[in-house]
Amino acid sequence: MIRLTSHLFANLSVPANEVWEVVADFGSMRQWWPAGLLSRIEIEGAGIGMVRALHTTIGTVVRERLEALDPDEHRIELSIHGDLPVGIANYTATGFVTATGPDTCRLDWTGRYEVPNRSAERAAREFVEGTYSTMFRGIREFVTKHGGPACTGPRER
């Protein structure tokens, strides 16, 4: 297996606490994820260890488990269990929200995962980084609609 890391970030013209509230509410993804991509989300449990089963409109189910949530550091960690898309295995991710000013912040998302061989690397990176871009777009649209201005990302580091 080949170990990969993908990292993207977005700068947002919204206070860090507002973005953190969206990111940290693990069960509320349906509110901010862009329309048309998920048919439903099922939540199992509460707090650390809870699982959200993301049912996509193309018929796949992605099961994300909340591994850590640190409100002081504005850090969230999750893993994906079960079947993963495009040959990805052992996926974990860490997200950080960092204040860059009184009304601005940066959202960083880093995923660590494995693929079986080099020929699977490109599709896996495109899938993971495309998912992060979609997430940033959804959060940007949600905070814009609910009082915050726009996001300038995503950007790769």
N, C-alpha and C. Protein backbone atom coordinates (compact mmCIF):
# COMPACT_ATOMS: atom_id res chain seq x y z
N MET A 1 0.85 -1.19 0.00
CA MET A 1 0.00 0.00 0.00
C MET A 1 0.89 1.25 0.00
N ILE A 2 0.40 2.28 -0.65
CA ILE A 2 1.13 3.54 -0.73
C ILE A 2 0.38 4.57 0.12
N ARG A 3 1.09 5.18 1.04
CA ARG A 3 0.51 6.17 1.96
C ARG A 3 0.51 7.55 1.31
N LEU A 4 -0.64 8.23 1.30
CA LEU A 4 -0.78 9.55 0.70
C LEU A 4 -1.33 10.54 1.72
N THR A 5 -1.05 11.81 1.47
CA THR A 5 -1.62 12.89 2.27
C THR A 5 -2.13 13.97 1.32
N SER A 6 -3.33 14.45 1.57
CA SER A 6 -3.88 15.59 0.84
C SER A 6 -4.20 16.68 1.84
N HIS A 7 -3.84 17.91 1.49
CA HIS A 7 -4.11 19.05 2.37
C HIS A 7 -4.61 20.21 1.54
N LEU A 8 -5.76 20.74 1.91
CA LEU A 8 -6.28 21.95 1.30
C LEU A 8 -6.73 22.88 2.41
N PHE A 9 -6.81 24.17 2.09
CA PHE A 9 -7.32 25.13 3.06
C PHE A 9 -8.13 26.19 2.34
N ALA A 10 -8.95 26.87 3.12
CA ALA A 10 -9.75 27.97 2.61
C ALA A 10 -9.69 29.11 3.60
N ASN A 11 -9.55 30.33 3.10
CA ASN A 11 -9.65 31.52 3.94
C ASN A 11 -11.07 32.02 3.88
N LEU A 12 -11.64 32.28 5.04
CA LEU A 12 -13.03 32.71 5.11
C LEU A 12 -13.13 34.06 5.80
N SER A 13 -14.01 34.88 5.31
CA SER A 13 -14.27 36.19 5.90
C SER A 13 -15.40 36.07 6.91
N VAL A 14 -15.18 35.20 7.88
CA VAL A 14 -16.14 34.89 8.93
C VAL A 14 -15.34 34.63 10.20
N PRO A 15 -15.83 35.03 11.37
CA PRO A 15 -15.11 34.72 12.61
C PRO A 15 -14.91 33.21 12.78
N ALA A 16 -13.77 32.85 13.33
CA ALA A 16 -13.42 31.43 13.51
C ALA A 16 -14.48 30.68 14.29
N ASN A 17 -15.05 31.29 15.32
CA ASN A 17 -16.05 30.58 16.13
C ASN A 17 -17.27 30.20 15.32
N GLU A 18 -17.68 31.02 14.35
CA GLU A 18 -18.84 30.70 13.52
C GLU A 18 -18.56 29.48 12.63
N VAL A 19 -17.36 29.45 12.06
CA VAL A 19 -17.00 28.31 11.21
C VAL A 19 -16.83 27.06 12.07
N TRP A 20 -16.23 27.22 13.25
CA TRP A 20 -16.03 26.08 14.14
C TRP A 20 -17.38 25.46 14.52
N GLU A 21 -18.39 26.27 14.78
CA GLU A 21 -19.71 25.74 15.13
C GLU A 21 -20.26 24.84 14.03
N VAL A 22 -20.02 25.20 12.78
CA VAL A 22 -20.49 24.40 11.66
C VAL A 22 -19.70 23.09 11.59
N VAL A 23 -18.38 23.19 11.64
CA VAL A 23 -17.51 22.02 11.51
C VAL A 23 -17.70 21.05 12.68
N ALA A 24 -17.81 21.59 13.89
CA ALA A 24 -17.87 20.77 15.09
C ALA A 24 -19.19 20.04 15.27
N ASP A 25 -20.25 20.51 14.63
CA ASP A 25 -21.55 19.86 14.77
C ASP A 25 -21.60 18.69 13.78
N PHE A 26 -20.99 17.59 14.18
CA PHE A 26 -20.77 16.43 13.31
C PHE A 26 -22.08 15.89 12.72
N GLY A 27 -23.16 16.02 13.44
CA GLY A 27 -24.43 15.48 12.98
C GLY A 27 -25.22 16.40 12.06
N SER A 28 -24.74 17.62 11.84
CA SER A 28 -25.54 18.59 11.08
C SER A 28 -25.06 18.78 9.64
N MET A 29 -24.27 17.88 9.14
CA MET A 29 -23.69 18.04 7.81
C MET A 29 -24.74 18.27 6.73
N ARG A 30 -25.88 17.69 6.87
CA ARG A 30 -26.96 17.83 5.87
C ARG A 30 -27.35 19.30 5.68
N GLN A 31 -27.19 20.14 6.73
CA GLN A 31 -27.55 21.55 6.64
C GLN A 31 -26.63 22.33 5.70
N TRP A 32 -25.36 21.95 5.63
CA TRP A 32 -24.41 22.75 4.86
C TRP A 32 -23.80 22.05 3.65
N TRP A 33 -23.94 20.74 3.54
CA TRP A 33 -23.36 20.04 2.38
C TRP A 33 -24.15 20.44 1.14
N PRO A 34 -23.48 20.75 0.02
CA PRO A 34 -24.19 21.20 -1.18
C PRO A 34 -25.31 20.24 -1.61
N ALA A 35 -26.41 20.82 -2.01
CA ALA A 35 -27.60 20.06 -2.41
C ALA A 35 -27.31 19.17 -3.61
N GLY A 36 -28.01 18.05 -3.65
CA GLY A 36 -27.94 17.17 -4.80
C GLY A 36 -26.87 16.09 -4.72
N LEU A 37 -26.04 16.08 -3.66
CA LEU A 37 -24.96 15.11 -3.56
C LEU A 37 -25.25 14.00 -2.55
N LEU A 38 -26.09 14.30 -1.56
CA LEU A 38 -26.44 13.32 -0.55
C LEU A 38 -27.94 13.11 -0.55
N SER A 39 -28.36 11.85 -0.49
CA SER A 39 -29.79 11.59 -0.42
C SER A 39 -30.27 11.60 1.03
N ARG A 40 -29.41 11.16 1.94
CA ARG A 40 -29.74 11.23 3.37
C ARG A 40 -28.49 10.96 4.21
N ILE A 41 -28.60 11.33 5.48
CA ILE A 41 -27.53 11.08 6.45
C ILE A 41 -28.17 10.43 7.67
N GLU A 42 -27.58 9.34 8.11
CA GLU A 42 -28.05 8.66 9.32
C GLU A 42 -26.99 8.85 10.40
N ILE A 43 -27.42 9.22 11.59
CA ILE A 43 -26.52 9.43 12.71
C ILE A 43 -26.69 8.29 13.70
N GLU A 44 -25.55 7.71 14.12
CA GLU A 44 -25.56 6.64 15.13
C GLU A 44 -24.72 7.11 16.30
N GLY A 45 -25.32 7.17 17.48
CA GLY A 45 -24.60 7.56 18.68
C GLY A 45 -24.51 9.07 18.83
N ALA A 46 -23.66 9.48 19.78
CA ALA A 46 -23.46 10.90 20.05
C ALA A 46 -22.05 11.09 20.59
N GLY A 47 -21.48 12.25 20.32
CA GLY A 47 -20.15 12.57 20.83
C GLY A 47 -19.06 11.76 20.15
N ILE A 48 -17.90 11.70 20.80
CA ILE A 48 -16.77 10.94 20.24
C ILE A 48 -17.21 9.50 20.02
N GLY A 49 -16.94 8.99 18.83
CA GLY A 49 -17.34 7.64 18.47
C GLY A 49 -18.61 7.58 17.64
N MET A 50 -19.36 8.70 17.58
CA MET A 50 -20.58 8.70 16.77
C MET A 50 -20.22 8.49 15.30
N VAL A 51 -21.16 7.97 14.55
CA VAL A 51 -20.96 7.68 13.13
C VAL A 51 -22.05 8.39 12.33
N ARG A 52 -21.63 8.99 11.23
CA ARG A 52 -22.62 9.51 10.29
C ARG A 52 -22.47 8.71 9.00
N ALA A 53 -23.58 8.12 8.58
CA ALA A 53 -23.61 7.34 7.34
C ALA A 53 -24.14 8.26 6.26
N LEU A 54 -23.28 8.58 5.29
CA LEU A 54 -23.61 9.51 4.21
C LEU A 54 -24.06 8.70 3.01
N HIS A 55 -25.34 8.79 2.69
CA HIS A 55 -25.91 8.09 1.55
C HIS A 55 -25.86 9.05 0.37
N THR A 56 -25.06 8.72 -0.64
CA THR A 56 -24.91 9.61 -1.79
C THR A 56 -26.02 9.38 -2.79
N THR A 57 -26.19 10.34 -3.67
CA THR A 57 -27.22 10.23 -4.70
C THR A 57 -26.84 9.21 -5.78
N ILE A 58 -25.59 8.73 -5.78
CA ILE A 58 -25.19 7.69 -6.75
C ILE A 58 -25.25 6.29 -6.13
N GLY A 59 -25.76 6.21 -4.89
CA GLY A 59 -26.00 4.90 -4.29
C GLY A 59 -24.92 4.38 -3.36
N THR A 60 -23.86 5.10 -3.14
CA THR A 60 -22.84 4.64 -2.21
C THR A 60 -23.12 5.17 -0.80
N VAL A 61 -22.55 4.50 0.18
CA VAL A 61 -22.68 4.91 1.58
C VAL A 61 -21.28 5.04 2.15
N VAL A 62 -20.99 6.21 2.72
CA VAL A 62 -19.70 6.47 3.36
C VAL A 62 -19.96 6.64 4.85
N ARG A 63 -19.28 5.83 5.67
CA ARG A 63 -19.48 5.86 7.12
C ARG A 63 -18.29 6.57 7.79
N GLU A 64 -18.56 7.78 8.28
CA GLU A 64 -17.53 8.57 8.95
C GLU A 64 -17.72 8.49 10.46
N ARG A 65 -16.61 8.26 11.16
CA ARG A 65 -16.63 8.15 12.62
C ARG A 65 -15.90 9.34 13.22
N LEU A 66 -16.51 10.01 14.19
CA LEU A 66 -15.88 11.11 14.90
C LEU A 66 -14.87 10.55 15.88
N GLU A 67 -13.59 10.84 15.66
CA GLU A 67 -12.52 10.31 16.49
C GLU A 67 -12.09 11.27 17.60
N ALA A 68 -12.12 12.57 17.32
CA ALA A 68 -11.70 13.56 18.32
C ALA A 68 -12.35 14.90 17.98
N LEU A 69 -12.61 15.67 19.02
CA LEU A 69 -13.19 17.00 18.87
C LEU A 69 -12.62 17.86 19.99
N ASP A 70 -11.82 18.85 19.63
CA ASP A 70 -11.17 19.70 20.61
C ASP A 70 -11.61 21.15 20.41
N PRO A 71 -12.58 21.61 21.21
CA PRO A 71 -13.09 22.97 21.02
C PRO A 71 -12.05 24.05 21.35
N ASP A 72 -11.11 23.77 22.22
CA ASP A 72 -10.08 24.76 22.55
C ASP A 72 -9.13 24.98 21.39
N GLU A 73 -8.79 23.91 20.69
CA GLU A 73 -7.88 23.98 19.55
C GLU A 73 -8.62 24.15 18.22
N HIS A 74 -9.97 24.07 18.26
CA HIS A 74 -10.79 24.09 17.05
C HIS A 74 -10.31 23.01 16.07
N ARG A 75 -10.20 21.79 16.60
CA ARG A 75 -9.69 20.65 15.83
C ARG A 75 -10.69 19.51 15.87
N ILE A 76 -10.90 18.89 14.71
CA ILE A 76 -11.78 17.73 14.59
C ILE A 76 -11.01 16.63 13.86
N GLU A 77 -11.22 15.39 14.28
CA GLU A 77 -10.60 14.24 13.60
C GLU A 77 -11.69 13.23 13.31
N LEU A 78 -11.61 12.62 12.12
CA LEU A 78 -12.56 11.59 11.76
C LEU A 78 -11.87 10.50 10.96
N SER A 79 -12.53 9.38 10.87
CA SER A 79 -12.05 8.27 10.04
C SER A 79 -13.23 7.74 9.25
N ILE A 80 -12.91 7.03 8.18
CA ILE A 80 -13.96 6.40 7.37
C ILE A 80 -13.79 4.90 7.47
N HIS A 81 -14.91 4.22 7.71
CA HIS A 81 -14.90 2.77 7.87
C HIS A 81 -15.78 2.14 6.80
N GLY A 82 -15.48 0.90 6.48
CA GLY A 82 -16.26 0.19 5.46
C GLY A 82 -15.69 0.46 4.09
N ASP A 83 -16.54 0.35 3.09
CA ASP A 83 -16.12 0.54 1.72
C ASP A 83 -15.76 1.99 1.46
N LEU A 84 -14.61 2.19 0.84
CA LEU A 84 -14.15 3.53 0.49
C LEU A 84 -14.06 3.64 -1.02
N PRO A 85 -14.29 4.84 -1.55
CA PRO A 85 -14.27 5.03 -3.00
C PRO A 85 -12.87 4.89 -3.61
N VAL A 86 -12.82 4.64 -4.88
CA VAL A 86 -11.65 4.63 -5.77
C VAL A 86 -10.40 3.98 -5.18
N GLY A 87 -10.57 2.86 -4.49
CA GLY A 87 -9.43 2.11 -3.99
C GLY A 87 -8.76 2.67 -2.75
N ILE A 88 -9.38 3.64 -2.10
CA ILE A 88 -8.81 4.26 -0.90
C ILE A 88 -9.01 3.33 0.29
N ALA A 89 -8.00 3.27 1.16
CA ALA A 89 -8.08 2.49 2.39
C ALA A 89 -7.51 3.31 3.54
N ASN A 90 -7.91 2.96 4.75
CA ASN A 90 -7.35 3.53 5.98
C ASN A 90 -7.35 5.06 5.99
N TYR A 91 -8.50 5.64 5.70
CA TYR A 91 -8.63 7.10 5.62
C TYR A 91 -8.87 7.72 7.00
N THR A 92 -8.08 8.73 7.32
CA THR A 92 -8.32 9.57 8.49
C THR A 92 -8.15 11.02 8.06
N ALA A 93 -8.81 11.93 8.76
CA ALA A 93 -8.70 13.34 8.42
C ALA A 93 -8.69 14.18 9.70
N THR A 94 -8.02 15.32 9.58
CA THR A 94 -8.00 16.30 10.66
C THR A 94 -8.35 17.65 10.07
N GLY A 95 -9.26 18.35 10.73
CA GLY A 95 -9.64 19.69 10.32
C GLY A 95 -9.32 20.67 11.44
N PHE A 96 -8.85 21.86 11.06
CA PHE A 96 -8.56 22.93 12.00
C PHE A 96 -9.23 24.21 11.54
N VAL A 97 -9.75 24.98 12.46
CA VAL A 97 -10.23 26.33 12.18
C VAL A 97 -9.34 27.27 12.99
N THR A 98 -8.68 28.19 12.29
CA THR A 98 -7.74 29.10 12.92
C THR A 98 -8.16 30.54 12.65
N ALA A 99 -8.27 31.33 13.70
CA ALA A 99 -8.57 32.75 13.53
C ALA A 99 -7.37 33.43 12.87
N THR A 100 -7.65 34.23 11.86
CA THR A 100 -6.60 35.01 11.20
C THR A 100 -6.82 36.50 11.42
N GLY A 101 -7.90 36.85 12.07
CA GLY A 101 -8.26 38.21 12.42
C GLY A 101 -9.55 38.15 13.20
N PRO A 102 -10.08 39.29 13.63
CA PRO A 102 -11.32 39.25 14.43
C PRO A 102 -12.53 38.72 13.65
N ASP A 103 -12.55 38.91 12.35
CA ASP A 103 -13.69 38.46 11.53
C ASP A 103 -13.26 37.60 10.36
N THR A 104 -12.10 36.95 10.47
CA THR A 104 -11.61 36.08 9.40
C THR A 104 -10.98 34.83 10.01
N CYS A 105 -10.95 33.79 9.21
CA CYS A 105 -10.33 32.55 9.68
C CYS A 105 -9.85 31.72 8.50
N ARG A 106 -9.17 30.66 8.84
CA ARG A 106 -8.68 29.71 7.85
C ARG A 106 -9.15 28.32 8.28
N LEU A 107 -9.69 27.58 7.32
CA LEU A 107 -10.10 26.19 7.55
C LEU A 107 -9.13 25.30 6.81
N ASP A 108 -8.41 24.47 7.55
CA ASP A 108 -7.46 23.51 6.99
C ASP A 108 -8.05 22.12 7.12
N TRP A 109 -7.85 21.31 6.08
CA TRP A 109 -8.31 19.92 6.12
C TRP A 109 -7.21 19.05 5.54
N THR A 110 -6.79 18.06 6.33
CA THR A 110 -5.73 17.15 5.91
C THR A 110 -6.23 15.72 6.01
N GLY A 111 -6.10 14.99 4.92
CA GLY A 111 -6.48 13.58 4.90
C GLY A 111 -5.25 12.71 4.70
N ARG A 112 -5.23 11.61 5.41
CA ARG A 112 -4.18 10.60 5.28
C ARG A 112 -4.86 9.30 4.89
N TYR A 113 -4.34 8.65 3.86
CA TYR A 113 -5.01 7.46 3.34
C TYR A 113 -4.01 6.64 2.54
N GLU A 114 -4.43 5.46 2.15
CA GLU A 114 -3.59 4.56 1.39
C GLU A 114 -4.30 4.15 0.10
N VAL A 115 -3.48 3.85 -0.90
CA VAL A 115 -3.97 3.27 -2.15
C VAL A 115 -3.12 2.03 -2.44
N PRO A 116 -3.65 1.10 -3.22
CA PRO A 116 -2.93 -0.16 -3.43
C PRO A 116 -1.66 -0.03 -4.29
N ASN A 117 -1.62 0.97 -5.20
CA ASN A 117 -0.47 1.12 -6.09
C ASN A 117 -0.45 2.52 -6.67
N ARG A 118 0.62 2.86 -7.37
CA ARG A 118 0.79 4.20 -7.95
C ARG A 118 -0.29 4.53 -8.98
N SER A 119 -0.79 3.52 -9.68
CA SER A 119 -1.81 3.79 -10.70
C SER A 119 -3.12 4.26 -10.08
N ALA A 120 -3.35 4.01 -8.81
CA ALA A 120 -4.57 4.44 -8.13
C ALA A 120 -4.41 5.82 -7.48
N GLU A 121 -3.19 6.33 -7.45
CA GLU A 121 -2.91 7.58 -6.73
C GLU A 121 -3.69 8.77 -7.29
N ARG A 122 -3.66 8.96 -8.58
CA ARG A 122 -4.29 10.15 -9.17
C ARG A 122 -5.80 10.19 -8.89
N ALA A 123 -6.50 9.08 -9.12
CA ALA A 123 -7.94 9.04 -8.89
C ALA A 123 -8.27 9.28 -7.41
N ALA A 124 -7.45 8.70 -6.54
CA ALA A 124 -7.68 8.89 -5.11
C ALA A 124 -7.49 10.35 -4.71
N ARG A 125 -6.40 10.98 -5.17
CA ARG A 125 -6.17 12.40 -4.85
C ARG A 125 -7.29 13.28 -5.40
N GLU A 126 -7.70 13.02 -6.63
CA GLU A 126 -8.76 13.82 -7.22
C GLU A 126 -10.06 13.67 -6.43
N PHE A 127 -10.35 12.45 -6.00
CA PHE A 127 -11.57 12.23 -5.22
C PHE A 127 -11.49 12.95 -3.88
N VAL A 128 -10.41 12.75 -3.14
CA VAL A 128 -10.27 13.35 -1.81
C VAL A 128 -10.26 14.87 -1.90
N GLU A 129 -9.45 15.42 -2.78
CA GLU A 129 -9.34 16.87 -2.87
C GLU A 129 -10.60 17.50 -3.45
N GLY A 130 -11.28 16.78 -4.34
CA GLY A 130 -12.57 17.25 -4.83
C GLY A 130 -13.62 17.28 -3.73
N THR A 131 -13.58 16.28 -2.86
CA THR A 131 -14.49 16.26 -1.71
C THR A 131 -14.21 17.44 -0.79
N TYR A 132 -12.94 17.75 -0.55
CA TYR A 132 -12.60 18.90 0.31
C TYR A 132 -13.10 20.20 -0.33
N SER A 133 -12.92 20.34 -1.63
CA SER A 133 -13.40 21.54 -2.32
C SER A 133 -14.92 21.67 -2.18
N THR A 134 -15.62 20.55 -2.30
CA THR A 134 -17.07 20.56 -2.14
C THR A 134 -17.44 20.95 -0.71
N MET A 135 -16.72 20.41 0.26
CA MET A 135 -16.97 20.75 1.67
C MET A 135 -16.76 22.24 1.90
N PHE A 136 -15.65 22.79 1.40
CA PHE A 136 -15.38 24.22 1.57
C PHE A 136 -16.49 25.06 0.93
N ARG A 137 -16.94 24.65 -0.25
CA ARG A 137 -18.02 25.37 -0.93
C ARG A 137 -19.28 25.34 -0.10
N GLY A 138 -19.62 24.18 0.44
CA GLY A 138 -20.82 24.06 1.27
C GLY A 138 -20.76 24.91 2.52
N ILE A 139 -19.62 24.89 3.19
CA ILE A 139 -19.48 25.70 4.40
C ILE A 139 -19.52 27.18 4.04
N ARG A 140 -18.84 27.57 2.96
CA ARG A 140 -18.85 28.97 2.51
C ARG A 140 -20.27 29.43 2.24
N GLU A 141 -21.04 28.63 1.50
CA GLU A 141 -22.42 29.00 1.17
C GLU A 141 -23.28 29.06 2.42
N PHE A 142 -23.09 28.12 3.33
CA PHE A 142 -23.89 28.09 4.55
C PHE A 142 -23.62 29.31 5.43
N VAL A 143 -22.35 29.63 5.67
CA VAL A 143 -22.06 30.77 6.54
C VAL A 143 -22.41 32.09 5.86
N THR A 144 -22.33 32.13 4.53
CA THR A 144 -22.73 33.33 3.81
C THR A 144 -24.24 33.55 3.96
N LYS A 145 -25.00 32.49 3.79
CA LYS A 145 -26.45 32.56 3.91
C LYS A 145 -26.90 32.90 5.33
N HIS A 146 -26.12 32.48 6.31
CA HIS A 146 -26.48 32.69 7.70
C HIS A 146 -25.68 33.81 8.35
N GLY A 147 -25.25 34.80 7.56
CA GLY A 147 -24.67 36.00 8.14
C GLY A 147 -23.22 36.26 7.86
N GLY A 148 -22.45 35.25 7.42
CA GLY A 148 -21.04 35.48 7.16
C GLY A 148 -20.77 35.74 5.69
N PRO A 149 -19.75 36.54 5.35
CA PRO A 149 -19.38 36.76 3.96
C PRO A 149 -18.78 35.52 3.31
N ALA A 150 -18.00 35.72 2.29
CA ALA A 150 -17.55 34.60 1.45
C ALA A 150 -16.19 34.04 1.83
N CYS A 151 -15.93 32.89 1.26
CA CYS A 151 -14.67 32.17 1.43
C CYS A 151 -13.85 32.36 0.16
N THR A 152 -12.53 32.48 0.29
CA THR A 152 -11.70 32.68 -0.89
C THR A 152 -11.03 31.42 -1.37
N GLY A 153 -11.26 30.28 -0.74
CA GLY A 153 -10.52 29.04 -1.04
C GLY A 153 -11.26 28.19 -2.05
N PRO A 154 -10.92 26.93 -2.18
CA PRO A 154 -9.84 26.28 -1.45
C PRO A 154 -8.49 26.49 -2.12
N ARG A 155 -7.46 26.26 -1.36
CA ARG A 155 -6.10 26.35 -1.88
C ARG A 155 -5.32 25.15 -1.38
N GLU A 156 -4.41 24.70 -2.16
CA GLU A 156 -3.56 23.59 -1.76
C GLU A 156 -2.30 24.17 -1.15
N ARG A 157 -1.83 23.50 -0.09
CA ARG A 157 -0.60 23.96 0.55
C ARG A 157 0.55 23.13 0.07
